[in-house]
Amino acid sequence: MSIRDIPIRTLADAPTTLAELAGDRAVLVVNVASRCGLTPQYEGLVQLQRTYGERGLTVVGVPCNQFMGQEPGSAEEIQEFCSTTYGADFPLLAKTDVNGGDRHPLYASLTRAPDAEGEAGDVRWNFEKFLISRDGEVLARFRPSTEPGDPAVIEAIEKSL
């Protein structure tokens, strides 16, 4: 099964897949949180969606409460925060475990991909980014401190389109 075909749920709790959500597009999957020091990265994610959306990129936010409880809100609170505070207009998934025994199958696949230093494994913190090609290959993994507008992220997106 392609990573694009793994069952997921939207923030509104509707069943879907990355293939259904993004169509024939590259996808940047990012675990997000609204009460994190890295939360301002939403601005960069919104900018990536606006800049590259028409060219074939879909940013997908995955709320996660596993890192110091920094995403405690309900689905409605998360949606309200993202749209009101940052104008986020990209898809958001249901709150998801990215590590541990209840790790979602999407993240079981994503975390096998290495970062630029060759390290695979657990998501380290909120705002870890995975770029997935149109055919379901994980092209790049960026650790949380890498800003969405970082030249390495932009270069990887440009190559994927």
N, C-alpha and C. Protein backbone atom coordinates (compact mmCIF):
# COMPACT_ATOMS: atom_id res chain seq x y z
N MET A 1 0.84 -1.18 0.00
CA MET A 1 0.00 0.00 0.00
C MET A 1 0.89 1.24 0.00
N SER A 2 0.57 2.18 -0.85
CA SER A 2 1.28 3.45 -0.90
C SER A 2 0.94 4.27 0.34
N ILE A 3 1.88 5.08 0.75
CA ILE A 3 1.65 5.98 1.89
C ILE A 3 0.46 6.90 1.62
N ARG A 4 0.22 7.17 0.34
CA ARG A 4 -0.89 8.05 -0.04
C ARG A 4 -2.26 7.37 0.14
N ASP A 5 -2.26 6.04 0.33
CA ASP A 5 -3.50 5.28 0.45
C ASP A 5 -3.81 4.84 1.88
N ILE A 6 -2.98 5.22 2.84
CA ILE A 6 -3.22 4.86 4.24
C ILE A 6 -4.45 5.62 4.74
N PRO A 7 -5.40 4.94 5.34
CA PRO A 7 -6.59 5.63 5.85
C PRO A 7 -6.24 6.65 6.94
N ILE A 8 -6.79 7.84 6.79
CA ILE A 8 -6.62 8.91 7.77
C ILE A 8 -7.99 9.55 7.98
N ARG A 9 -8.05 10.47 8.94
CA ARG A 9 -9.31 11.17 9.20
C ARG A 9 -9.04 12.67 9.20
N THR A 10 -9.98 13.41 8.63
CA THR A 10 -9.87 14.86 8.62
C THR A 10 -10.17 15.40 10.02
N LEU A 11 -9.91 16.67 10.22
CA LEU A 11 -10.22 17.30 11.49
C LEU A 11 -11.72 17.22 11.79
N ALA A 12 -12.53 17.18 10.74
CA ALA A 12 -13.99 17.03 10.89
C ALA A 12 -14.39 15.56 11.07
N ASP A 13 -13.40 14.69 11.22
CA ASP A 13 -13.58 13.26 11.47
C ASP A 13 -14.15 12.49 10.28
N ALA A 14 -13.90 12.97 9.08
CA ALA A 14 -14.32 12.24 7.88
C ALA A 14 -13.16 11.36 7.42
N PRO A 15 -13.45 10.13 7.00
CA PRO A 15 -12.39 9.26 6.50
C PRO A 15 -11.88 9.74 5.15
N THR A 16 -10.57 9.60 4.95
CA THR A 16 -9.95 10.00 3.68
C THR A 16 -8.57 9.35 3.59
N THR A 17 -7.83 9.74 2.58
CA THR A 17 -6.43 9.36 2.41
C THR A 17 -5.70 10.58 1.89
N LEU A 18 -4.38 10.55 1.90
CA LEU A 18 -3.64 11.66 1.30
C LEU A 18 -3.95 11.77 -0.18
N ALA A 19 -4.13 10.63 -0.85
CA ALA A 19 -4.46 10.65 -2.27
C ALA A 19 -5.79 11.36 -2.52
N GLU A 20 -6.79 11.09 -1.68
CA GLU A 20 -8.08 11.76 -1.84
C GLU A 20 -8.00 13.22 -1.44
N LEU A 21 -7.27 13.51 -0.40
CA LEU A 21 -7.17 14.86 0.14
C LEU A 21 -6.39 15.79 -0.80
N ALA A 22 -5.31 15.28 -1.37
CA ALA A 22 -4.43 16.13 -2.17
C ALA A 22 -4.51 15.86 -3.67
N GLY A 23 -5.15 14.77 -4.07
CA GLY A 23 -5.17 14.45 -5.49
C GLY A 23 -3.78 14.11 -5.97
N ASP A 24 -3.51 14.42 -7.21
CA ASP A 24 -2.21 14.11 -7.83
C ASP A 24 -1.23 15.25 -7.56
N ARG A 25 -0.89 15.44 -6.29
CA ARG A 25 -0.04 16.56 -5.89
C ARG A 25 1.01 16.08 -4.90
N ALA A 26 2.08 16.82 -4.80
CA ALA A 26 3.05 16.60 -3.72
C ALA A 26 2.39 17.04 -2.42
N VAL A 27 2.80 16.43 -1.31
CA VAL A 27 2.20 16.73 -0.02
C VAL A 27 3.29 17.01 1.00
N LEU A 28 3.13 18.08 1.77
CA LEU A 28 4.02 18.36 2.89
C LEU A 28 3.20 18.10 4.15
N VAL A 29 3.53 17.00 4.84
CA VAL A 29 2.82 16.61 6.07
C VAL A 29 3.59 17.17 7.26
N VAL A 30 2.89 17.89 8.13
CA VAL A 30 3.53 18.55 9.27
C VAL A 30 2.71 18.32 10.53
N ASN A 31 3.34 17.76 11.59
CA ASN A 31 2.61 17.66 12.85
C ASN A 31 2.64 19.03 13.52
N VAL A 32 1.46 19.51 13.86
CA VAL A 32 1.31 20.89 14.33
C VAL A 32 0.76 20.94 15.75
N ALA A 33 0.96 22.08 16.39
CA ALA A 33 0.43 22.34 17.73
C ALA A 33 0.22 23.83 17.90
N SER A 34 -0.83 24.20 18.60
CA SER A 34 -1.18 25.61 18.72
C SER A 34 -0.56 26.31 19.93
N ARG A 35 0.06 25.57 20.83
CA ARG A 35 0.64 26.19 22.03
C ARG A 35 2.11 25.86 22.17
N CYS A 36 2.82 25.93 21.08
CA CYS A 36 4.23 25.56 21.02
C CYS A 36 5.05 26.79 20.65
N GLY A 37 6.29 26.82 21.08
CA GLY A 37 7.17 27.91 20.67
C GLY A 37 7.38 27.97 19.16
N LEU A 38 7.13 26.86 18.49
CA LEU A 38 7.29 26.81 17.03
C LEU A 38 5.99 27.10 16.28
N THR A 39 4.91 27.36 17.00
CA THR A 39 3.62 27.61 16.38
C THR A 39 3.65 28.70 15.31
N PRO A 40 4.48 29.75 15.45
CA PRO A 40 4.55 30.74 14.37
C PRO A 40 4.96 30.16 13.00
N GLN A 41 5.43 28.91 12.98
CA GLN A 41 5.72 28.29 11.69
C GLN A 41 4.46 28.13 10.84
N TYR A 42 3.29 28.23 11.46
CA TYR A 42 2.05 28.22 10.67
C TYR A 42 2.12 29.28 9.56
N GLU A 43 2.68 30.44 9.88
CA GLU A 43 2.78 31.51 8.88
C GLU A 43 3.52 31.02 7.65
N GLY A 44 4.63 30.35 7.85
CA GLY A 44 5.41 29.83 6.74
C GLY A 44 4.69 28.72 5.99
N LEU A 45 3.95 27.90 6.72
CA LEU A 45 3.18 26.82 6.07
C LEU A 45 2.08 27.41 5.19
N VAL A 46 1.40 28.43 5.70
CA VAL A 46 0.37 29.12 4.91
C VAL A 46 1.01 29.72 3.66
N GLN A 47 2.18 30.32 3.82
CA GLN A 47 2.86 30.92 2.66
C GLN A 47 3.25 29.86 1.63
N LEU A 48 3.73 28.70 2.10
CA LEU A 48 4.06 27.61 1.16
C LEU A 48 2.82 27.18 0.39
N GLN A 49 1.69 27.03 1.07
CA GLN A 49 0.45 26.63 0.41
C GLN A 49 0.05 27.67 -0.63
N ARG A 50 0.16 28.93 -0.29
CA ARG A 50 -0.24 29.99 -1.22
C ARG A 50 0.72 30.10 -2.40
N THR A 51 2.00 29.90 -2.14
CA THR A 51 3.00 30.03 -3.20
C THR A 51 3.00 28.83 -4.14
N TYR A 52 2.90 27.64 -3.57
CA TYR A 52 3.07 26.42 -4.37
C TYR A 52 1.78 25.63 -4.60
N GLY A 53 0.68 26.05 -4.00
CA GLY A 53 -0.57 25.33 -4.17
C GLY A 53 -1.00 25.21 -5.62
N GLU A 54 -0.92 26.29 -6.36
CA GLU A 54 -1.32 26.26 -7.76
C GLU A 54 -0.37 25.43 -8.62
N ARG A 55 0.84 25.21 -8.12
CA ARG A 55 1.83 24.44 -8.87
C ARG A 55 1.82 22.97 -8.51
N GLY A 56 1.01 22.58 -7.49
CA GLY A 56 0.89 21.16 -7.21
C GLY A 56 1.32 20.70 -5.84
N LEU A 57 1.36 21.59 -4.84
CA LEU A 57 1.69 21.20 -3.47
C LEU A 57 0.47 21.37 -2.58
N THR A 58 0.27 20.41 -1.69
CA THR A 58 -0.73 20.56 -0.63
C THR A 58 -0.04 20.37 0.71
N VAL A 59 -0.16 21.37 1.57
CA VAL A 59 0.31 21.26 2.95
C VAL A 59 -0.81 20.59 3.73
N VAL A 60 -0.45 19.62 4.57
CA VAL A 60 -1.42 18.94 5.42
C VAL A 60 -0.93 19.04 6.86
N GLY A 61 -1.72 19.67 7.72
CA GLY A 61 -1.39 19.79 9.13
C GLY A 61 -1.97 18.63 9.92
N VAL A 62 -1.16 18.10 10.83
CA VAL A 62 -1.58 16.96 11.64
C VAL A 62 -1.45 17.35 13.12
N PRO A 63 -2.53 17.83 13.73
CA PRO A 63 -2.46 18.20 15.14
C PRO A 63 -2.03 17.01 16.00
N CYS A 64 -1.14 17.29 16.94
CA CYS A 64 -0.61 16.25 17.81
C CYS A 64 -0.42 16.83 19.21
N ASN A 65 -0.87 16.09 20.21
CA ASN A 65 -0.79 16.55 21.58
C ASN A 65 0.25 15.76 22.38
N GLN A 66 1.18 15.10 21.72
CA GLN A 66 2.15 14.24 22.40
C GLN A 66 3.36 14.98 22.96
N PHE A 67 3.54 16.24 22.63
CA PHE A 67 4.73 16.96 23.07
C PHE A 67 4.32 18.02 24.08
N MET A 68 4.41 17.65 25.35
CA MET A 68 4.08 18.52 26.48
C MET A 68 2.65 19.07 26.41
N GLY A 69 1.73 18.32 25.82
CA GLY A 69 0.33 18.73 25.79
C GLY A 69 0.09 20.04 25.08
N GLN A 70 0.85 20.32 24.02
CA GLN A 70 0.78 21.62 23.36
C GLN A 70 -0.31 21.74 22.29
N GLU A 71 -1.13 20.69 22.15
CA GLU A 71 -2.31 20.77 21.27
C GLU A 71 -3.50 20.14 22.00
N PRO A 72 -3.97 20.81 23.09
CA PRO A 72 -5.01 20.22 23.92
C PRO A 72 -6.43 20.43 23.41
N GLY A 73 -6.62 21.31 22.44
CA GLY A 73 -7.96 21.71 22.04
C GLY A 73 -8.77 20.64 21.32
N SER A 74 -10.06 20.91 21.22
CA SER A 74 -10.97 20.08 20.44
C SER A 74 -10.75 20.38 18.96
N ALA A 75 -11.37 19.58 18.12
CA ALA A 75 -11.26 19.81 16.68
C ALA A 75 -11.74 21.21 16.32
N GLU A 76 -12.84 21.63 16.92
CA GLU A 76 -13.39 22.95 16.64
C GLU A 76 -12.43 24.06 17.09
N GLU A 77 -11.83 23.88 18.26
CA GLU A 77 -10.88 24.89 18.77
C GLU A 77 -9.64 24.95 17.88
N ILE A 78 -9.17 23.80 17.43
CA ILE A 78 -7.99 23.77 16.56
C ILE A 78 -8.30 24.48 15.24
N GLN A 79 -9.44 24.17 14.64
CA GLN A 79 -9.84 24.81 13.38
C GLN A 79 -9.95 26.31 13.54
N GLU A 80 -10.62 26.73 14.61
CA GLU A 80 -10.79 28.17 14.88
C GLU A 80 -9.43 28.86 15.04
N PHE A 81 -8.55 28.26 15.83
CA PHE A 81 -7.23 28.84 16.05
C PHE A 81 -6.47 28.98 14.73
N CYS A 82 -6.43 27.92 13.96
CA CYS A 82 -5.64 27.92 12.72
C CYS A 82 -6.17 28.92 11.71
N SER A 83 -7.47 28.97 11.55
CA SER A 83 -8.03 29.87 10.55
C SER A 83 -8.02 31.32 11.02
N THR A 84 -8.34 31.56 12.28
CA THR A 84 -8.41 32.93 12.78
C THR A 84 -7.03 33.54 13.01
N THR A 85 -6.14 32.80 13.63
CA THR A 85 -4.83 33.34 13.99
C THR A 85 -3.88 33.40 12.81
N TYR A 86 -3.90 32.38 11.96
CA TYR A 86 -2.92 32.30 10.87
C TYR A 86 -3.53 32.28 9.47
N GLY A 87 -4.83 32.21 9.37
CA GLY A 87 -5.45 32.15 8.05
C GLY A 87 -5.14 30.84 7.33
N ALA A 88 -4.89 29.79 8.11
CA ALA A 88 -4.54 28.50 7.51
C ALA A 88 -5.72 27.98 6.69
N ASP A 89 -5.46 27.74 5.42
CA ASP A 89 -6.50 27.25 4.53
C ASP A 89 -6.12 25.91 3.91
N PHE A 90 -5.15 25.26 4.51
CA PHE A 90 -4.77 23.93 4.05
C PHE A 90 -5.48 22.89 4.91
N PRO A 91 -5.56 21.64 4.43
CA PRO A 91 -6.27 20.61 5.18
C PRO A 91 -5.60 20.29 6.52
N LEU A 92 -6.45 20.02 7.50
CA LEU A 92 -5.99 19.57 8.82
C LEU A 92 -6.60 18.20 9.09
N LEU A 93 -5.80 17.33 9.68
CA LEU A 93 -6.28 16.00 10.04
C LEU A 93 -6.74 15.99 11.48
N ALA A 94 -7.37 14.90 11.85
CA ALA A 94 -7.75 14.69 13.25
C ALA A 94 -6.49 14.60 14.10
N LYS A 95 -6.62 14.94 15.36
CA LYS A 95 -5.49 14.85 16.28
C LYS A 95 -4.94 13.43 16.22
N THR A 96 -3.61 13.31 16.11
CA THR A 96 -2.97 12.04 15.78
C THR A 96 -1.74 11.82 16.64
N ASP A 97 -1.52 10.56 17.04
CA ASP A 97 -0.26 10.19 17.70
C ASP A 97 0.78 9.91 16.62
N VAL A 98 1.93 10.55 16.76
CA VAL A 98 3.00 10.39 15.77
C VAL A 98 4.13 9.48 16.28
N ASN A 99 4.14 9.20 17.56
CA ASN A 99 5.14 8.33 18.19
C ASN A 99 4.45 7.35 19.13
N GLY A 100 5.21 6.35 19.58
CA GLY A 100 4.73 5.45 20.62
C GLY A 100 3.85 4.33 20.12
N GLY A 101 3.27 3.62 21.07
CA GLY A 101 2.48 2.43 20.79
C GLY A 101 1.22 2.70 19.99
N ASP A 102 0.69 3.91 20.08
CA ASP A 102 -0.50 4.26 19.32
C ASP A 102 -0.18 5.11 18.08
N ARG A 103 1.08 5.04 17.66
CA ARG A 103 1.50 5.81 16.48
C ARG A 103 0.60 5.44 15.29
N HIS A 104 0.12 6.45 14.61
CA HIS A 104 -0.75 6.23 13.46
C HIS A 104 0.06 5.55 12.34
N PRO A 105 -0.57 4.67 11.56
CA PRO A 105 0.13 4.01 10.46
C PRO A 105 0.79 4.98 9.47
N LEU A 106 0.19 6.16 9.28
CA LEU A 106 0.83 7.15 8.41
C LEU A 106 2.21 7.49 8.95
N TYR A 107 2.29 7.73 10.26
CA TYR A 107 3.57 8.08 10.86
C TYR A 107 4.49 6.88 11.03
N ALA A 108 3.95 5.68 11.11
CA ALA A 108 4.79 4.49 11.11
C ALA A 108 5.57 4.43 9.80
N SER A 109 4.94 4.83 8.71
CA SER A 109 5.62 4.88 7.41
C SER A 109 6.55 6.09 7.31
N LEU A 110 6.04 7.25 7.68
CA LEU A 110 6.84 8.47 7.54
C LEU A 110 8.14 8.40 8.35
N THR A 111 8.08 7.88 9.56
CA THR A 111 9.26 7.91 10.43
C THR A 111 10.35 6.93 10.00
N ARG A 112 10.08 6.12 9.01
CA ARG A 112 11.14 5.27 8.43
C ARG A 112 12.07 6.09 7.54
N ALA A 113 11.61 7.25 7.12
CA ALA A 113 12.42 8.10 6.23
C ALA A 113 13.47 8.84 7.04
N PRO A 114 14.69 8.90 6.53
CA PRO A 114 15.74 9.64 7.23
C PRO A 114 15.69 11.14 6.94
N ASP A 115 16.26 11.90 7.86
CA ASP A 115 16.43 13.34 7.64
C ASP A 115 17.72 13.57 6.85
N ALA A 116 18.15 14.81 6.73
CA ALA A 116 19.34 15.14 5.95
C ALA A 116 20.62 14.54 6.53
N GLU A 117 20.61 14.24 7.83
CA GLU A 117 21.78 13.63 8.48
C GLU A 117 21.71 12.11 8.44
N GLY A 118 20.68 11.57 7.81
CA GLY A 118 20.54 10.12 7.69
C GLY A 118 19.85 9.45 8.86
N GLU A 119 19.24 10.24 9.76
CA GLU A 119 18.56 9.68 10.93
C GLU A 119 17.07 9.51 10.68
N ALA A 120 16.59 8.30 10.87
CA ALA A 120 15.16 8.00 10.82
C ALA A 120 14.68 7.89 12.26
N GLY A 121 13.45 7.43 12.44
CA GLY A 121 12.95 7.21 13.79
C GLY A 121 11.93 8.23 14.22
N ASP A 122 11.69 8.27 15.53
CA ASP A 122 10.62 9.08 16.10
C ASP A 122 10.67 10.54 15.67
N VAL A 123 9.48 11.12 15.62
CA VAL A 123 9.33 12.56 15.44
C VAL A 123 9.87 13.19 16.71
N ARG A 124 10.69 14.22 16.57
CA ARG A 124 11.35 14.82 17.74
C ARG A 124 10.49 15.84 18.47
N TRP A 125 9.65 16.56 17.73
CA TRP A 125 8.87 17.62 18.35
C TRP A 125 7.81 18.07 17.34
N ASN A 126 7.01 19.05 17.74
CA ASN A 126 6.02 19.64 16.85
C ASN A 126 6.71 20.27 15.64
N PHE A 127 6.02 20.28 14.53
CA PHE A 127 6.43 20.92 13.29
C PHE A 127 7.56 20.20 12.56
N GLU A 128 7.61 18.87 12.71
CA GLU A 128 8.49 18.06 11.87
C GLU A 128 7.77 17.91 10.52
N LYS A 129 8.54 18.02 9.43
CA LYS A 129 7.95 18.09 8.10
C LYS A 129 8.42 16.93 7.22
N PHE A 130 7.48 16.35 6.47
CA PHE A 130 7.77 15.26 5.54
C PHE A 130 7.21 15.64 4.17
N LEU A 131 8.05 15.65 3.16
CA LEU A 131 7.62 15.94 1.80
C LEU A 131 7.41 14.62 1.07
N ILE A 132 6.21 14.43 0.55
CA ILE A 132 5.84 13.19 -0.14
C ILE A 132 5.56 13.51 -1.60
N SER A 133 6.13 12.70 -2.49
CA SER A 133 5.95 12.91 -3.92
C SER A 133 4.55 12.52 -4.36
N ARG A 134 4.25 12.85 -5.60
CA ARG A 134 2.96 12.50 -6.20
C ARG A 134 2.75 11.00 -6.24
N ASP A 135 3.86 10.23 -6.27
CA ASP A 135 3.73 8.77 -6.34
C ASP A 135 3.91 8.09 -4.98
N GLY A 136 3.96 8.88 -3.90
CA GLY A 136 3.96 8.31 -2.56
C GLY A 136 5.33 8.08 -1.93
N GLU A 137 6.38 8.56 -2.55
CA GLU A 137 7.73 8.42 -2.00
C GLU A 137 8.01 9.57 -1.03
N VAL A 138 8.58 9.26 0.12
CA VAL A 138 9.00 10.32 1.04
C VAL A 138 10.30 10.89 0.48
N LEU A 139 10.23 12.12 0.01
CA LEU A 139 11.36 12.77 -0.65
C LEU A 139 12.32 13.44 0.32
N ALA A 140 11.78 13.97 1.41
CA ALA A 140 12.61 14.71 2.35
C ALA A 140 11.93 14.75 3.71
N ARG A 141 12.77 14.86 4.72
CA ARG A 141 12.30 14.99 6.10
C ARG A 141 13.06 16.15 6.72
N PHE A 142 12.31 17.06 7.31
CA PHE A 142 12.90 18.24 7.93
C PHE A 142 12.53 18.29 9.40
N ARG A 143 13.51 18.41 10.25
CA ARG A 143 13.28 18.43 11.69
C ARG A 143 12.57 19.72 12.10
N PRO A 144 12.00 19.76 13.30
CA PRO A 144 11.15 20.87 13.72
C PRO A 144 11.78 22.26 13.62
N SER A 145 13.05 22.38 13.90
CA SER A 145 13.67 23.72 13.88
C SER A 145 13.87 24.26 12.46
N THR A 146 13.69 23.44 11.44
CA THR A 146 13.80 23.91 10.07
C THR A 146 12.52 24.64 9.70
N GLU A 147 12.65 25.92 9.43
CA GLU A 147 11.50 26.76 9.10
C GLU A 147 10.92 26.37 7.75
N PRO A 148 9.62 26.55 7.54
CA PRO A 148 9.02 26.22 6.26
C PRO A 148 9.66 26.94 5.08
N GLY A 149 10.15 28.14 5.29
CA GLY A 149 10.78 28.90 4.21
C GLY A 149 12.27 28.67 4.05
N ASP A 150 12.82 27.72 4.78
CA ASP A 150 14.25 27.40 4.68
C ASP A 150 14.59 27.02 3.24
N PRO A 151 15.75 27.45 2.74
CA PRO A 151 16.12 27.12 1.36
C PRO A 151 16.09 25.62 1.04
N ALA A 152 16.43 24.78 2.00
CA ALA A 152 16.39 23.34 1.75
C ALA A 152 14.96 22.85 1.53
N VAL A 153 14.01 23.40 2.28
CA VAL A 153 12.61 23.04 2.10
C VAL A 153 12.12 23.51 0.74
N ILE A 154 12.42 24.75 0.40
CA ILE A 154 12.01 25.32 -0.88
C ILE A 154 12.59 24.52 -2.03
N GLU A 155 13.87 24.18 -1.95
CA GLU A 155 14.52 23.41 -3.01
C GLU A 155 13.85 22.05 -3.19
N ALA A 156 13.56 21.38 -2.09
CA ALA A 156 12.92 20.06 -2.16
C ALA A 156 11.52 20.18 -2.77
N ILE A 157 10.77 21.20 -2.38
CA ILE A 157 9.43 21.40 -2.94
C ILE A 157 9.54 21.67 -4.43
N GLU A 158 10.43 22.57 -4.82
CA GLU A 158 10.61 22.91 -6.24
C GLU A 158 10.91 21.65 -7.06
N LYS A 159 11.78 20.80 -6.55
CA LYS A 159 12.14 19.56 -7.26
C LYS A 159 10.96 18.61 -7.37
N SER A 160 10.05 18.65 -6.39
CA SER A 160 8.93 17.71 -6.36
C SER A 160 7.80 18.09 -7.31
N LEU A 161 7.80 19.33 -7.76
CA LEU A 161 6.68 19.82 -8.57
C LEU A 161 6.91 19.63 -10.07
